[in-house]
Amino acid sequence: MSFFSDLAQQYIDGEWRQGKGSWDIIDFNPYDGEKLASITVATAEEVDQAYRGAQEAQRAWGETNPYARRTVLERALRIVEEREAEISDAIVAELGGTRLKAAFELHLAKEFLRESVQLALRPTGQILPSPTEGKENRVYRVPVGVVGVISPFNFPFLLSLKSVAPALALGNAVVLKPHQNTPVCGGTLVAKVFEDAGLPAGLLNVVVTDIAEIGDALLEHPVPQVISFTGSDKVGRHVATVCAAQLKSAVLELGGNSALIVLDDADLDYAVDAAVFSRFVHQGQVCMAANRILVDRAVEKEFTEKFVAKVASLPVGDPADPATVIGPLINSSQAEAVSAVVEQAVAAGATALLHGPTEGNLVSPSVLTGLAADAPVLSQEIFGPVALLIPFDGEDEAVRIANDTPYGLSGAVHTGDVERGVRVGRRIHTGMIHINDGTVHDEPIVPFGGEKSSGLGRLNGDAMVEAFTTQKWISVQHGRSGFPF
């Protein structure tokens, strides 16, 4: 596809060029195995060039009137709107996203771009009082300088834009490394949008590479002051460790093991719809997905029957078909890993109410119940279409089970009494929880992030200002100050 081959390059300091590494990343369509593109990896030297170019370009950009910066973001939004059909096709082809998923991702991407337009004008200064007579304390909000962004494969266009656009709007330059499985949607496509929007050269760089080639060069480089990483908690811990040693800030959006709780007074038909979407959107490859579905024993039988019936009806197949709900997982390793999780759980005594087959990267849904309280599958993130049904007796037990995980990202509570849901939700140790809704939500101005092993810091809205700017205190002494010697 010429769309992919045209974007199968590095984008460094305003120049499209081939990487200088000794091997290529092959970009495959996960559904049919079609080769979309081949990209020679960037070397550590090219990472250095990207950061140096970003540092040089940022000096002028940081001094640019924020109203002028805003116009670039406005043009980027218009470009995404104009090319929506083309970008949707790319999401379907490169990551196996269904048409529904592509529309969902693009809707959010446009919303976050709209917020970034406003974000350019968000930082404000302060004048603070002083105990010293005649002193004026000014506090300025200034860009951090250069931000390193590492994005994942599941929502690559959205989750790259989610950090890149605010960082640029706030006067920073960016070096972006997309996931190896989505180098175009998560990387070079973003660069092309901003290049066509008139972003000055050097402010956004995209390096398509791998840790096997560059090691920790992206993290250890002295130029970036903030690293924004979205991915697994295992890699996130490494990012945090390296950043701490370098005295850099790290914003980490990591994995989850969210619980969707169905209380005894819930609207069961509605709860089933919310639970099915929360577990199976984008084949379950979502950090906020409802891994665990907790159901009060009083309604367990009815809920389970309806839930299994709805899951069994989900069409599995070609993501390009508008009717498809369950498309392929991103690669064969993920498909094999998810299949193994189901087999191991069943071998350990779990009951498979639905046990979907695996054909290539297509993994049909499975629904498991009868899990032992200490079953390993209950404490891990399953990045695939596997639902775990867990009964409970009363709110206290629901809260205990929901909190029995190293993660704390999202969650949901379904009940006929909204305030009861809020009371339960406040007891769940997560960064986000939703009453009478699904677990998969993101909005431009709410603080997005997790607790425990689900991450550090927050993104969106005012949290972006905190993440990508720093405070500078300038005092002015009116008159003469007194000194003791």
Protein backbone atom coordinates (compact mmCIF):
# COMPACT_ATOMS: atom_id res chain seq x y z
CA MET A 1 0.00 0.00 0.00
CA SER A 2 1.54 3.29 -1.09
CA PHE A 3 0.08 5.01 1.97
CA PHE A 4 2.33 2.93 4.21
CA SER A 5 5.38 2.83 1.94
CA ASP A 6 5.29 6.62 1.63
CA LEU A 7 5.46 6.93 5.41
CA ALA A 8 7.98 4.13 5.98
CA GLN A 9 10.84 6.44 6.94
CA GLN A 10 12.36 8.22 9.89
CA TYR A 11 11.38 11.87 10.42
CA ILE A 12 14.33 13.68 11.99
CA ASP A 13 14.86 17.44 12.22
CA GLY A 14 12.29 18.12 9.51
CA GLU A 15 13.74 15.59 7.07
CA TRP A 16 12.24 12.31 5.84
CA ARG A 17 15.04 9.77 5.54
CA GLN A 18 15.99 6.13 5.81
CA GLY A 19 17.29 4.83 9.11
CA LYS A 20 20.93 3.81 9.35
CA GLY A 21 20.43 0.63 11.38
CA SER A 22 21.45 -2.80 10.15
CA TRP A 23 17.97 -4.34 10.09
CA ASP A 24 14.38 -3.56 9.20
CA ILE A 25 11.11 -3.47 11.09
CA ILE A 26 8.49 -5.17 8.91
CA ASP A 27 5.01 -3.71 9.26
CA PHE A 28 2.37 -6.43 8.77
CA ASN A 29 -1.41 -6.44 8.56
CA PRO A 30 -2.27 -8.66 11.56
CA TYR A 31 -5.40 -10.04 9.90
CA ASP A 32 -4.10 -11.32 6.58
CA GLY A 33 -0.33 -11.09 7.02
CA GLU A 34 0.10 -8.61 4.16
CA LYS A 35 3.38 -6.72 4.31
CA LEU A 36 2.51 -3.05 4.56
CA ALA A 37 5.98 -1.54 4.76
CA SER A 38 9.60 -2.10 5.68
CA ILE A 39 11.42 0.50 7.80
CA THR A 40 15.15 0.44 8.49
CA VAL A 41 15.56 1.13 12.20
CA ALA A 42 17.04 4.33 13.59
CA THR A 43 20.35 4.09 15.45
CA ALA A 44 21.34 5.67 18.76
CA GLU A 45 23.19 8.30 16.71
CA GLU A 46 19.93 9.19 14.95
CA VAL A 47 18.13 9.38 18.29
CA ASP A 48 20.81 11.88 19.31
CA GLN A 49 20.24 13.86 16.11
CA ALA A 50 16.49 13.91 16.76
CA TYR A 51 16.94 15.20 20.29
CA ARG A 52 19.54 17.79 19.27
CA GLY A 53 17.32 19.01 16.45
CA ALA A 54 14.38 19.21 18.84
CA GLN A 55 16.42 21.16 21.38
CA GLU A 56 17.52 23.68 18.77
CA ALA A 57 14.02 24.15 17.29
CA GLN A 58 12.38 24.48 20.70
CA ARG A 59 14.21 27.68 21.61
CA ALA A 60 12.23 29.77 19.15
CA TRP A 61 9.03 27.75 19.55
CA GLY A 62 9.00 28.29 23.31
CA GLU A 63 9.12 32.05 22.70
CA THR A 64 6.42 31.93 20.02
CA ASN A 65 3.15 33.63 20.88
CA PRO A 66 0.78 30.91 22.11
CA TYR A 67 -1.90 32.22 19.74
CA ALA A 68 0.47 31.42 16.86
CA ARG A 69 1.17 27.96 18.27
CA ARG A 70 -2.58 27.46 18.50
CA THR A 71 -3.06 27.97 14.75
CA VAL A 72 -0.79 24.99 14.00
CA LEU A 73 -2.95 22.79 16.23
CA GLU A 74 -6.10 24.10 14.51
CA ARG A 75 -4.68 23.16 11.10
CA ALA A 76 -3.68 19.71 12.39
CA LEU A 77 -7.27 19.13 13.52
CA ARG A 78 -8.63 20.15 10.11
CA ILE A 79 -6.20 17.79 8.38
CA VAL A 80 -7.32 14.86 10.54
CA GLU A 81 -10.94 15.70 9.78
CA GLU A 82 -10.25 15.92 6.04
CA ARG A 83 -8.29 12.63 5.97
CA GLU A 84 -10.49 10.70 8.36
CA ALA A 85 -11.41 7.97 5.87
CA GLU A 86 -7.76 7.41 4.94
CA ILE A 87 -6.65 7.30 8.58
CA SER A 88 -9.50 4.90 9.41
CA ASP A 89 -8.32 2.53 6.65
CA ALA A 90 -4.79 2.71 8.08
CA ILE A 91 -5.99 1.79 11.58
CA VAL A 92 -7.88 -1.20 10.19
CA ALA A 93 -4.89 -2.37 8.15
CA GLU A 94 -2.00 -1.79 10.55
CA LEU A 95 -3.44 -2.83 13.89
CA GLY A 96 -6.47 -4.92 12.99
CA GLY A 97 -8.88 -2.39 14.44
CA THR A 98 -12.50 -2.88 13.43
CA ARG A 99 -14.38 -0.09 11.67
CA LEU A 100 -16.15 0.62 14.96
CA LYS A 101 -12.83 0.81 16.80
CA ALA A 102 -11.28 3.08 14.16
CA ALA A 103 -14.23 5.48 14.44
CA PHE A 104 -13.92 5.42 18.25
CA GLU A 105 -10.18 6.17 18.10
CA LEU A 106 -10.58 8.97 15.57
CA HIS A 107 -13.41 10.58 17.52
CA LEU A 108 -11.20 10.74 20.61
CA ALA A 109 -8.18 11.90 18.60
CA LYS A 110 -10.17 14.87 17.28
CA GLU A 111 -11.46 15.70 20.76
CA PHE A 112 -7.93 15.72 22.16
CA LEU A 113 -6.71 17.91 19.32
CA ARG A 114 -9.53 20.36 20.05
CA GLU A 115 -8.46 20.47 23.68
CA SER A 116 -4.83 21.01 22.65
CA VAL A 117 -5.90 24.09 20.70
CA GLN A 118 -7.22 25.52 23.96
CA LEU A 119 -4.27 24.22 25.96
CA ALA A 120 -1.87 26.58 24.20
CA LEU A 121 -3.49 29.45 26.13
CA ARG A 122 -3.94 27.59 29.43
CA PRO A 123 -0.70 28.33 31.34
CA THR A 124 -0.96 31.35 33.60
CA GLY A 125 1.51 33.09 35.89
CA GLN A 126 1.16 34.37 39.42
CA ILE A 127 2.33 37.27 41.53
CA LEU A 128 2.83 36.11 45.11
CA PRO A 129 3.37 38.19 48.24
CA SER A 130 6.74 38.35 49.99
CA PRO A 131 7.71 38.92 53.63
CA THR A 132 10.47 41.22 52.32
CA GLU A 133 9.42 44.84 51.92
CA GLY A 134 9.40 45.98 48.31
CA LYS A 135 9.83 42.51 46.81
CA GLU A 136 7.61 41.25 44.00
CA ASN A 137 7.48 37.48 43.40
CA ARG A 138 6.54 36.45 39.87
CA VAL A 139 5.90 32.78 39.05
CA TYR A 140 6.02 31.89 35.37
CA ARG A 141 4.85 28.73 33.64
CA VAL A 142 7.45 27.76 31.04
CA PRO A 143 7.86 24.75 28.72
CA VAL A 144 10.03 21.91 30.04
CA GLY A 145 11.90 21.99 26.70
CA VAL A 146 11.95 18.59 24.99
CA VAL A 147 9.59 15.69 25.72
CA GLY A 148 10.22 12.06 24.80
CA VAL A 149 7.03 10.15 23.95
CA ILE A 150 6.78 6.35 23.71
CA SER A 151 3.39 5.11 22.49
CA PRO A 152 1.73 1.66 22.42
CA PHE A 153 0.17 -0.44 19.64
CA ASN A 154 -3.45 -0.60 20.75
CA PHE A 155 -4.61 3.00 20.14
CA PRO A 156 -1.45 4.30 18.46
CA PHE A 157 -2.77 7.36 16.64
CA LEU A 158 -4.76 8.58 19.64
CA LEU A 159 -2.18 7.81 22.31
CA SER A 160 0.66 9.41 20.36
CA LEU A 161 -1.39 12.54 19.72
CA LYS A 162 -2.52 12.59 23.34
CA SER A 163 1.00 13.51 24.51
CA VAL A 164 2.47 15.01 21.34
CA ALA A 165 -0.21 17.65 20.70
CA PRO A 166 -0.33 19.09 24.26
CA ALA A 167 3.46 19.09 24.53
CA LEU A 168 3.71 21.09 21.29
CA ALA A 169 0.84 23.39 22.24
CA LEU A 170 2.62 24.24 25.49
CA GLY A 171 5.81 25.27 23.68
CA ASN A 172 7.87 22.08 23.77
CA ALA A 173 9.55 19.99 21.10
CA VAL A 174 8.97 16.23 20.93
CA VAL A 175 10.81 13.05 19.96
CA LEU A 176 8.27 10.27 19.42
CA LYS A 177 9.00 6.54 19.32
CA PRO A 178 5.99 4.51 18.20
CA HIS A 179 5.54 0.80 18.93
CA GLN A 180 7.27 -1.48 16.42
CA ASN A 181 3.93 -3.04 15.40
CA THR A 182 2.35 0.34 14.59
CA PRO A 183 5.15 2.56 13.27
CA VAL A 184 2.92 4.46 10.86
CA CYS A 185 -0.35 5.05 12.75
CA GLY A 186 1.56 5.71 15.96
CA GLY A 187 4.46 7.62 14.47
CA THR A 188 5.08 8.79 10.94
CA LEU A 189 1.41 9.51 10.22
CA VAL A 190 1.40 11.88 13.22
CA ALA A 191 4.53 13.55 11.85
CA LYS A 192 2.93 13.95 8.42
CA VAL A 193 -0.18 15.58 9.92
CA PHE A 194 1.89 18.17 11.78
CA GLU A 195 4.28 18.75 8.87
CA ASP A 196 1.32 19.51 6.62
CA ALA A 197 -0.12 21.73 9.37
CA GLY A 198 2.97 23.93 9.15
CA LEU A 199 4.77 22.92 12.33
CA PRO A 200 8.32 24.29 12.08
CA ALA A 201 11.02 21.72 11.26
CA GLY A 202 12.66 19.98 14.18
CA LEU A 203 9.81 20.37 16.66
CA LEU A 204 8.43 16.89 16.10
CA ASN A 205 10.74 13.99 15.36
CA VAL A 206 9.77 10.34 14.88
CA VAL A 207 12.30 7.57 15.39
CA VAL A 208 11.15 4.10 14.41
CA THR A 209 13.47 1.75 16.25
CA ASP A 210 13.80 -0.91 18.92
CA ILE A 211 15.56 -1.33 22.24
CA ALA A 212 17.64 -4.07 20.60
CA GLU A 213 19.18 -1.34 18.43
CA ILE A 214 19.35 1.68 20.72
CA GLY A 215 19.22 0.29 24.25
CA ASP A 216 18.14 3.04 26.64
CA ALA A 217 19.37 5.91 24.44
CA LEU A 218 15.87 7.38 24.18
CA LEU A 219 15.57 7.54 27.97
CA GLU A 220 19.13 8.34 29.00
CA HIS A 221 19.77 11.14 26.54
CA PRO A 222 20.49 14.39 28.39
CA VAL A 223 18.14 16.58 26.34
CA PRO A 224 14.60 15.39 27.23
CA GLN A 225 13.32 16.56 30.61
CA VAL A 226 10.11 14.51 30.57
CA ILE A 227 9.35 11.03 29.24
CA SER A 228 5.69 10.21 28.57
CA PHE A 229 5.29 6.43 28.31
CA THR A 230 2.20 4.34 27.67
CA GLY A 231 2.58 0.58 27.82
CA SER A 232 3.07 -2.37 30.15
CA ASP A 233 3.88 -2.01 33.82
CA LYS A 234 7.00 -4.15 33.35
CA VAL A 235 8.51 -1.74 30.84
CA GLY A 236 7.07 1.21 32.76
CA ARG A 237 9.07 0.24 35.85
CA HIS A 238 12.22 0.23 33.76
CA VAL A 239 11.39 3.64 32.30
CA ALA A 240 10.78 5.00 35.80
CA THR A 241 14.07 3.59 37.07
CA VAL A 242 16.13 5.07 34.24
CA CYS A 243 14.36 8.44 34.48
CA ALA A 244 14.91 8.59 38.24
CA ALA A 245 18.63 7.97 37.77
CA GLN A 246 18.71 10.80 35.21
CA LEU A 247 16.54 13.11 37.37
CA LYS A 248 13.91 13.30 34.64
CA SER A 249 10.17 13.35 35.16
CA ALA A 250 8.21 10.32 33.95
CA VAL A 251 4.50 10.25 33.17
CA LEU A 252 3.51 6.59 33.07
CA GLU A 253 0.20 5.24 31.80
CA LEU A 254 0.48 1.50 32.40
CA GLY A 255 -1.59 -1.67 32.51
CA GLY A 256 -4.82 -2.48 34.29
CA ASN A 257 -6.94 -5.28 35.68
CA SER A 258 -10.19 -3.40 36.01
CA ALA A 259 -13.27 -4.76 37.73
CA LEU A 260 -16.82 -4.09 36.58
CA ILE A 261 -19.09 -4.69 39.59
CA VAL A 262 -22.75 -5.65 39.17
CA LEU A 263 -24.65 -5.09 42.41
CA ASP A 264 -27.91 -6.86 43.26
CA ASP A 265 -30.07 -3.88 42.25
CA ALA A 266 -28.46 -3.28 38.83
CA ASP A 267 -30.29 -3.05 35.51
CA LEU A 268 -28.97 -6.39 34.24
CA ASP A 269 -29.61 -5.91 30.52
CA TYR A 270 -27.78 -2.59 30.63
CA ALA A 271 -24.99 -4.03 32.78
CA VAL A 272 -24.50 -6.84 30.28
CA ASP A 273 -24.14 -4.36 27.42
CA ALA A 274 -21.63 -2.30 29.42
CA ALA A 275 -19.65 -5.37 30.46
CA VAL A 276 -19.46 -6.84 26.95
CA PHE A 277 -18.22 -3.56 25.50
CA SER A 278 -15.80 -3.00 28.38
CA ARG A 279 -14.22 -6.43 27.94
CA PHE A 280 -14.27 -6.93 24.18
CA VAL A 281 -13.74 -3.52 22.55
CA HIS A 282 -10.68 -3.83 20.27
CA GLN A 283 -10.45 -7.54 21.13
CA GLY A 284 -9.76 -6.67 24.77
CA GLN A 285 -6.48 -4.93 23.90
CA VAL A 286 -7.29 -1.94 26.11
CA CYS A 287 -5.61 -1.05 29.41
CA MET A 288 -8.99 -0.03 30.89
CA ALA A 289 -10.79 -3.20 29.77
CA ALA A 290 -12.92 -5.01 32.34
CA ASN A 291 -10.73 -8.05 32.91
CA ARG A 292 -12.86 -9.11 35.85
CA ILE A 293 -16.65 -8.96 35.95
CA LEU A 294 -17.90 -9.22 39.52
CA VAL A 295 -21.57 -10.19 39.95
CA ASP A 296 -23.64 -10.40 43.11
CA ARG A 297 -24.81 -14.00 43.65
CA ALA A 298 -28.39 -12.79 43.85
CA VAL A 299 -28.31 -11.95 40.13
CA GLU A 300 -25.42 -14.18 38.99
CA LYS A 301 -27.48 -16.78 37.12
CA GLU A 302 -29.54 -14.30 35.09
CA PHE A 303 -26.59 -12.02 34.34
CA THR A 304 -24.37 -14.92 33.29
CA GLU A 305 -26.92 -16.35 30.87
CA LYS A 306 -27.44 -12.99 29.19
CA PHE A 307 -23.74 -12.14 29.17
CA VAL A 308 -22.62 -15.44 27.60
CA ALA A 309 -25.39 -15.25 24.98
CA LYS A 310 -24.36 -11.74 23.94
CA VAL A 311 -20.65 -12.59 23.81
CA ALA A 312 -21.37 -15.69 21.73
CA SER A 313 -23.19 -13.50 19.18
CA LEU A 314 -20.23 -11.16 18.53
CA PRO A 315 -19.05 -11.47 14.90
CA VAL A 316 -15.38 -12.48 14.61
CA GLY A 317 -13.38 -11.93 11.44
CA ASP A 318 -12.09 -9.38 8.95
CA PRO A 319 -11.77 -5.98 10.66
CA ALA A 320 -12.48 -4.24 7.36
CA ASP A 321 -16.01 -5.69 7.41
CA PRO A 322 -18.24 -3.13 9.17
CA ALA A 323 -20.15 -5.98 10.85
CA THR A 324 -17.05 -7.35 12.60
CA VAL A 325 -16.75 -6.74 16.34
CA ILE A 326 -13.81 -9.03 17.16
CA GLY A 327 -10.82 -8.62 14.84
CA PRO A 328 -7.29 -10.01 15.15
CA LEU A 329 -4.85 -9.49 17.97
CA ILE A 330 -1.80 -7.44 17.05
CA ASN A 331 0.57 -10.38 16.41
CA SER A 332 1.00 -14.12 16.78
CA SER A 333 2.82 -13.81 20.12
CA GLN A 334 -0.16 -12.05 21.66
CA ALA A 335 -2.59 -14.57 20.15
CA GLU A 336 -0.58 -17.49 21.50
CA ALA A 337 -0.23 -15.89 24.93
CA VAL A 338 -3.96 -15.23 25.29
CA SER A 339 -4.83 -18.75 24.13
CA ALA A 340 -2.37 -20.15 26.68
CA VAL A 341 -3.98 -18.15 29.49
CA VAL A 342 -7.34 -19.77 28.74
CA GLU A 343 -5.88 -23.28 28.48
CA GLN A 344 -3.95 -22.91 31.74
CA ALA A 345 -6.98 -21.56 33.60
CA VAL A 346 -9.18 -24.44 32.41
CA ALA A 347 -6.47 -26.97 33.28
CA ALA A 348 -6.37 -25.47 36.78
CA GLY A 349 -10.10 -26.03 37.26
CA ALA A 350 -11.87 -23.05 35.75
CA THR A 351 -15.11 -23.62 33.83
CA ALA A 352 -15.23 -22.32 30.27
CA LEU A 353 -18.78 -21.14 29.61
CA LEU A 354 -17.49 -20.12 26.19
CA HIS A 355 -14.17 -21.28 24.75
CA GLY A 356 -13.41 -19.60 21.47
CA PRO A 357 -10.98 -21.12 18.96
CA THR A 358 -7.79 -19.44 17.75
CA GLU A 359 -7.17 -19.17 14.01
CA GLY A 360 -4.02 -17.26 13.17
CA ASN A 361 -4.26 -13.97 15.04
CA LEU A 362 -8.04 -14.27 15.36
CA VAL A 363 -8.87 -15.29 18.92
CA SER A 364 -12.58 -15.80 19.49
CA PRO A 365 -14.01 -14.80 22.88
CA SER A 366 -13.82 -17.00 25.97
CA VAL A 367 -15.78 -16.64 29.20
CA LEU A 368 -14.40 -18.32 32.32
CA THR A 369 -15.95 -18.85 35.74
CA GLY A 370 -15.38 -21.09 38.74
CA LEU A 371 -11.91 -19.65 39.29
CA ALA A 372 -10.07 -20.35 42.51
CA ALA A 373 -9.51 -17.26 44.65
CA ASP A 374 -5.76 -17.59 44.16
CA ALA A 375 -5.88 -18.32 40.42
CA PRO A 376 -2.97 -16.48 38.74
CA VAL A 377 -5.24 -15.31 35.92
CA LEU A 378 -7.15 -13.12 38.38
CA SER A 379 -4.15 -10.91 39.14
CA GLN A 380 -2.79 -10.40 35.62
CA GLU A 381 -3.73 -8.16 32.74
CA ILE A 382 -5.20 -10.20 29.88
CA PHE A 383 -4.72 -8.27 26.65
CA GLY A 384 -7.26 -10.22 24.68
CA PRO A 385 -10.91 -11.35 24.43
CA VAL A 386 -11.19 -13.31 27.68
CA ALA A 387 -13.77 -12.46 30.36
CA LEU A 388 -13.59 -13.69 33.96
CA LEU A 389 -16.92 -13.92 35.82
CA ILE A 390 -16.56 -13.78 39.62
CA PRO A 391 -19.50 -14.05 42.05
CA PHE A 392 -19.59 -12.18 45.36
CA ASP A 393 -21.84 -11.81 48.40
CA GLY A 394 -22.50 -8.17 49.25
CA GLU A 395 -20.62 -4.90 48.77
CA ASP A 396 -17.77 -5.60 51.18
CA GLU A 397 -16.74 -8.75 49.36
CA ALA A 398 -17.05 -6.98 45.99
CA VAL A 399 -14.72 -4.23 47.20
CA ARG A 400 -12.22 -6.74 48.61
CA ILE A 401 -12.09 -8.72 45.35
CA ALA A 402 -11.89 -5.59 43.19
CA ASN A 403 -8.92 -4.32 45.22
CA ASP A 404 -7.14 -7.68 45.22
CA THR A 405 -4.85 -6.80 42.30
CA PRO A 406 -1.56 -4.96 41.86
CA TYR A 407 -3.27 -2.66 39.37
CA GLY A 408 -5.57 0.32 39.87
CA LEU A 409 -6.53 1.97 36.61
CA SER A 410 -10.27 1.95 35.92
CA GLY A 411 -13.46 0.24 37.01
CA ALA A 412 -17.24 0.45 37.03
CA VAL A 413 -20.13 -0.14 39.42
CA HIS A 414 -23.68 -0.94 38.26
CA THR A 415 -26.54 -0.28 40.64
CA GLY A 416 -30.07 1.15 40.78
CA ASP A 417 -28.88 3.63 43.41
CA VAL A 418 -26.32 6.08 42.04
CA GLU A 419 -25.10 7.22 45.45
CA ARG A 420 -24.65 3.62 46.54
CA GLY A 421 -22.49 3.18 43.46
CA VAL A 422 -20.44 6.25 44.36
CA ARG A 423 -19.90 4.93 47.91
CA VAL A 424 -18.65 1.62 46.54
CA GLY A 425 -16.59 3.34 43.86
CA ARG A 426 -14.79 5.49 46.41
CA ARG A 427 -13.60 2.32 48.16
CA ILE A 428 -11.97 0.91 45.02
CA HIS A 429 -8.27 1.79 44.74
CA THR A 430 -8.24 3.06 41.18
CA GLY A 431 -7.47 6.34 39.46
CA MET A 432 -10.82 6.26 37.66
CA ILE A 433 -14.17 4.55 38.20
CA HIS A 434 -17.51 4.92 36.46
CA ILE A 435 -21.00 4.47 37.89
CA ASN A 436 -23.53 2.77 35.62
CA ASP A 437 -21.23 2.82 32.61
CA GLY A 438 -18.35 0.92 31.07
CA THR A 439 -14.73 0.86 32.22
CA VAL A 440 -13.29 2.20 28.95
CA HIS A 441 -13.45 5.99 28.94
CA ASP A 442 -11.19 8.92 28.18
CA GLU A 443 -12.09 12.59 27.98
CA PRO A 444 -9.92 15.60 27.15
CA ILE A 445 -10.20 17.58 30.40
CA VAL A 446 -10.51 14.92 33.12
CA PRO A 447 -7.42 13.61 34.97
CA PHE A 448 -6.56 10.28 33.34
CA GLY A 449 -4.26 7.87 35.13
CA GLY A 450 -3.93 5.04 37.61
CA GLU A 451 -2.80 4.01 41.06
CA LYS A 452 -0.46 1.22 42.21
CA SER A 453 1.12 -0.58 39.23
CA SER A 454 -1.11 1.26 36.76
CA GLY A 455 1.13 4.30 36.52
CA LEU A 456 2.46 7.59 37.77
CA GLY A 457 0.99 11.02 37.17
CA ARG A 458 -2.01 12.11 35.17
CA LEU A 459 -2.73 13.31 31.65
CA ASN A 460 -5.49 15.49 30.11
CA GLY A 461 -6.62 19.03 30.82
CA ASP A 462 -4.78 20.86 33.57
CA ALA A 463 -2.69 17.73 34.20
CA MET A 464 -1.04 18.34 30.81
CA VAL A 465 0.11 21.75 32.00
CA GLU A 466 1.59 20.10 35.11
CA ALA A 467 3.28 17.39 33.04
CA PHE A 468 4.76 19.46 30.21
CA THR A 469 5.58 22.81 31.82
CA THR A 470 7.58 23.82 34.84
CA GLN A 471 7.44 26.79 37.22
CA LYS A 472 10.03 29.55 37.25
CA TRP A 473 10.26 32.03 40.14
CA ILE A 474 11.56 35.49 39.32
CA SER A 475 11.70 38.01 42.13
CA VAL A 476 12.02 41.75 41.65
CA GLN A 477 13.32 43.91 44.49
CA HIS A 478 11.83 47.40 44.25
CA GLY A 479 14.16 49.72 46.12
CA ARG A 480 17.25 48.45 47.87
CA SER A 481 17.55 45.23 49.82
CA GLY A 482 19.49 45.02 53.07
CA PHE A 483 22.35 42.52 53.54
CA PRO A 484 23.95 41.46 56.84
CA PHE A 485 27.49 41.92 55.54
